Amino acid sequence: MTNIATLLETAIAQALPDNWQQEPETHLPALSLIISNILLPNCCQMSNLNSLAALIEESAVLKQLPDAYKNKLAHTVYDTLARFNGLG
């Protein structure tokens, strides 16, 4: 697991309630912001959806989510990073 994936695991565990996976749609905005803030310093390396999808699959807590949700999460993080960088 990369350092970024480890950081994601820690941040998600500390920031979201223990049962967040029971209602993941409710927590999509918060989860997207957590991931985006962690990736912001390295956003050039994560500037495509394939890289984001790979990172999500690398994270134990995220890879178990349904594929449609992971896809939506990757797109939401991508859009958030674009807005952070003045592209959206």
C-alpha atoms as a PDB file:
ATOM      1  CA  MET A   1       0.000   0.000   0.000  1.00  0.00           C
ATOM      2  CA  THR A   2       1.352   3.415  -0.904  1.00  0.00           C
ATOM      3  CA  ASN A   3       1.773   6.226   1.591  1.00  0.00           C
ATOM      4  CA  ILE A   4      -1.213   8.014   0.030  1.00  0.00           C
ATOM      5  CA  ALA A   5      -3.426   4.945   0.405  1.00  0.00           C
ATOM      6  CA  THR A   6      -2.326   4.564   4.020  1.00  0.00           C
ATOM      7  CA  LEU A   7      -3.084   8.227   4.676  1.00  0.00           C
ATOM      8  CA  LEU A   8      -6.519   7.789   3.088  1.00  0.00           C
ATOM      9  CA  GLU A   9      -7.258   4.822   5.336  1.00  0.00           C
ATOM     10  CA  THR A  10      -6.304   6.814   8.430  1.00  0.00           C
ATOM     11  CA  ALA A  11      -8.189   9.967   7.416  1.00  0.00           C
ATOM     12  CA  ILE A  12     -11.361   8.072   6.529  1.00  0.00           C
ATOM     13  CA  ALA A  13     -11.264   6.125   9.783  1.00  0.00           C
ATOM     14  CA  GLN A  14     -10.903   9.336  11.804  1.00  0.00           C
ATOM     15  CA  ALA A  15     -13.256  11.602   9.861  1.00  0.00           C
ATOM     16  CA  LEU A  16     -16.249   9.441   9.007  1.00  0.00           C
ATOM     17  CA  PRO A  17     -18.559   7.528  11.342  1.00  0.00           C
ATOM     18  CA  ASP A  18     -17.863   3.812  11.771  1.00  0.00           C
ATOM     19  CA  ASN A  19     -20.999   2.871   9.855  1.00  0.00           C
ATOM     20  CA  TRP A  20     -20.502   5.241   6.880  1.00  0.00           C
ATOM     21  CA  GLN A  21     -20.456   2.337   4.418  1.00  0.00           C
ATOM     22  CA  GLN A  22     -24.071   1.511   5.235  1.00  0.00           C
ATOM     23  CA  GLU A  23     -25.095   4.801   3.576  1.00  0.00           C
ATOM     24  CA  PRO A  24     -22.151   5.708   1.331  1.00  0.00           C
ATOM     25  CA  GLU A  25     -24.147   8.193  -0.790  1.00  0.00           C
ATOM     26  CA  THR A  26     -24.710  10.327   2.290  1.00  0.00           C
ATOM     27  CA  HIS A  27     -20.968  10.566   2.848  1.00  0.00           C
ATOM     28  CA  LEU A  28     -19.864  11.005  -0.789  1.00  0.00           C
ATOM     29  CA  PRO A  29     -19.209  14.785  -0.473  1.00  0.00           C
ATOM     30  CA  ALA A  30     -17.148  14.356   2.708  1.00  0.00           C
ATOM     31  CA  LEU A  31     -15.270  11.371   1.318  1.00  0.00           C
ATOM     32  CA  SER A  32     -14.525  13.267  -1.886  1.00  0.00           C
ATOM     33  CA  LEU A  33     -13.148  16.247   0.037  1.00  0.00           C
ATOM     34  CA  ILE A  34     -10.995  14.016   2.248  1.00  0.00           C
ATOM     35  CA  ILE A  35      -9.449  12.337  -0.777  1.00  0.00           C
ATOM     36  CA  SER A  36      -9.091  15.600  -2.716  1.00  0.00           C
ATOM     37  CA  ASN A  37      -7.337  17.359   0.148  1.00  0.00           C
ATOM     38  CA  ILE A  38      -4.898  14.491   0.551  1.00  0.00           C
ATOM     39  CA  LEU A  39      -4.192  14.399  -3.186  1.00  0.00           C
ATOM     40  CA  LEU A  40      -3.947  18.145  -3.739  1.00  0.00           C
ATOM     41  CA  PRO A  41      -0.152  18.369  -3.253  1.00  0.00           C
ATOM     42  CA  ASN A  42       0.238  15.523  -5.774  1.00  0.00           C
ATOM     43  CA  CYS A  43      -2.711  16.339  -7.991  1.00  0.00           C
ATOM     44  CA  CYS A  44      -0.637  16.344 -11.181  1.00  0.00           C
ATOM     45  CA  GLN A  45       0.102  12.661 -10.573  1.00  0.00           C
ATOM     46  CA  MET A  46      -3.587  11.960  -9.968  1.00  0.00           C
ATOM     47  CA  SER A  47      -4.956  14.096 -12.771  1.00  0.00           C
ATOM     48  CA  ASN A  48      -6.728  11.313 -14.608  1.00  0.00           C
ATOM     49  CA  LEU A  49      -9.564   8.997 -13.735  1.00  0.00           C
ATOM     50  CA  ASN A  50      -7.486   5.850 -14.206  1.00  0.00           C
ATOM     51  CA  SER A  51      -5.026   6.967 -11.520  1.00  0.00           C
ATOM     52  CA  LEU A  52      -7.871   7.805  -9.152  1.00  0.00           C
ATOM     53  CA  ALA A  53      -9.588   4.475  -9.804  1.00  0.00           C
ATOM     54  CA  ALA A  54      -6.311   2.648  -9.107  1.00  0.00           C
ATOM     55  CA  LEU A  55      -5.875   4.533  -5.833  1.00  0.00           C
ATOM     56  CA  ILE A  56      -9.421   3.671  -4.782  1.00  0.00           C
ATOM     57  CA  GLU A  57      -8.763  -0.004  -5.549  1.00  0.00           C
ATOM     58  CA  GLU A  58      -5.564   0.138  -3.498  1.00  0.00           C
ATOM     59  CA  SER A  59      -7.401   1.328  -0.404  1.00  0.00           C
ATOM     60  CA  ALA A  60      -8.853  -1.580   1.579  1.00  0.00           C
ATOM     61  CA  VAL A  61     -11.732   0.467   2.947  1.00  0.00           C
ATOM     62  CA  LEU A  62     -12.738   1.799  -0.487  1.00  0.00           C
ATOM     63  CA  LYS A  63     -12.170  -1.177  -2.781  1.00  0.00           C
ATOM     64  CA  GLN A  64     -14.979  -3.144  -1.144  1.00  0.00           C
ATOM     65  CA  LEU A  65     -17.563  -0.551  -2.214  1.00  0.00           C
ATOM     66  CA  PRO A  66     -19.813  -1.234  -5.225  1.00  0.00           C
ATOM     67  CA  ASP A  67     -18.204  -0.496  -8.605  1.00  0.00           C
ATOM     68  CA  ALA A  68     -20.799   2.156  -9.510  1.00  0.00           C
ATOM     69  CA  TYR A  69     -20.065   4.031  -6.271  1.00  0.00           C
ATOM     70  CA  LYS A  70     -16.289   3.825  -6.798  1.00  0.00           C
ATOM     71  CA  ASN A  71     -16.749   5.218 -10.298  1.00  0.00           C
ATOM     72  CA  LYS A  72     -18.885   8.063  -8.967  1.00  0.00           C
ATOM     73  CA  LEU A  73     -16.326   8.723  -6.229  1.00  0.00           C
ATOM     74  CA  ALA A  74     -13.458   8.876  -8.739  1.00  0.00           C
ATOM     75  CA  HIS A  75     -15.400  11.362 -10.885  1.00  0.00           C
ATOM     76  CA  THR A  76     -16.320  13.474  -7.853  1.00  0.00           C
ATOM     77  CA  VAL A  77     -12.694  13.600  -6.655  1.00  0.00           C
ATOM     78  CA  TYR A  78     -11.532  14.445 -10.188  1.00  0.00           C
ATOM     79  CA  ASP A  79     -14.055  17.310 -10.406  1.00  0.00           C
ATOM     80  CA  THR A  80     -13.106  18.570  -6.944  1.00  0.00           C
ATOM     81  CA  LEU A  81      -9.392  18.585  -7.814  1.00  0.00           C
ATOM     82  CA  ALA A  82     -10.204  20.454 -11.028  1.00  0.00           C
ATOM     83  CA  ARG A  83     -12.084  23.122  -9.046  1.00  0.00           C
ATOM     84  CA  PHE A  84      -9.232  23.387  -6.525  1.00  0.00           C
ATOM     85  CA  ASN A  85      -6.923  24.094  -9.442  1.00  0.00           C
ATOM     86  CA  GLY A  86      -9.227  26.648 -11.081  1.00  0.00           C
ATOM     87  CA  LEU A  87     -10.262  24.375 -13.929  1.00  0.00           C
ATOM     88  CA  GLY A  88     -13.927  23.944 -13.099  1.00  0.00           C
END
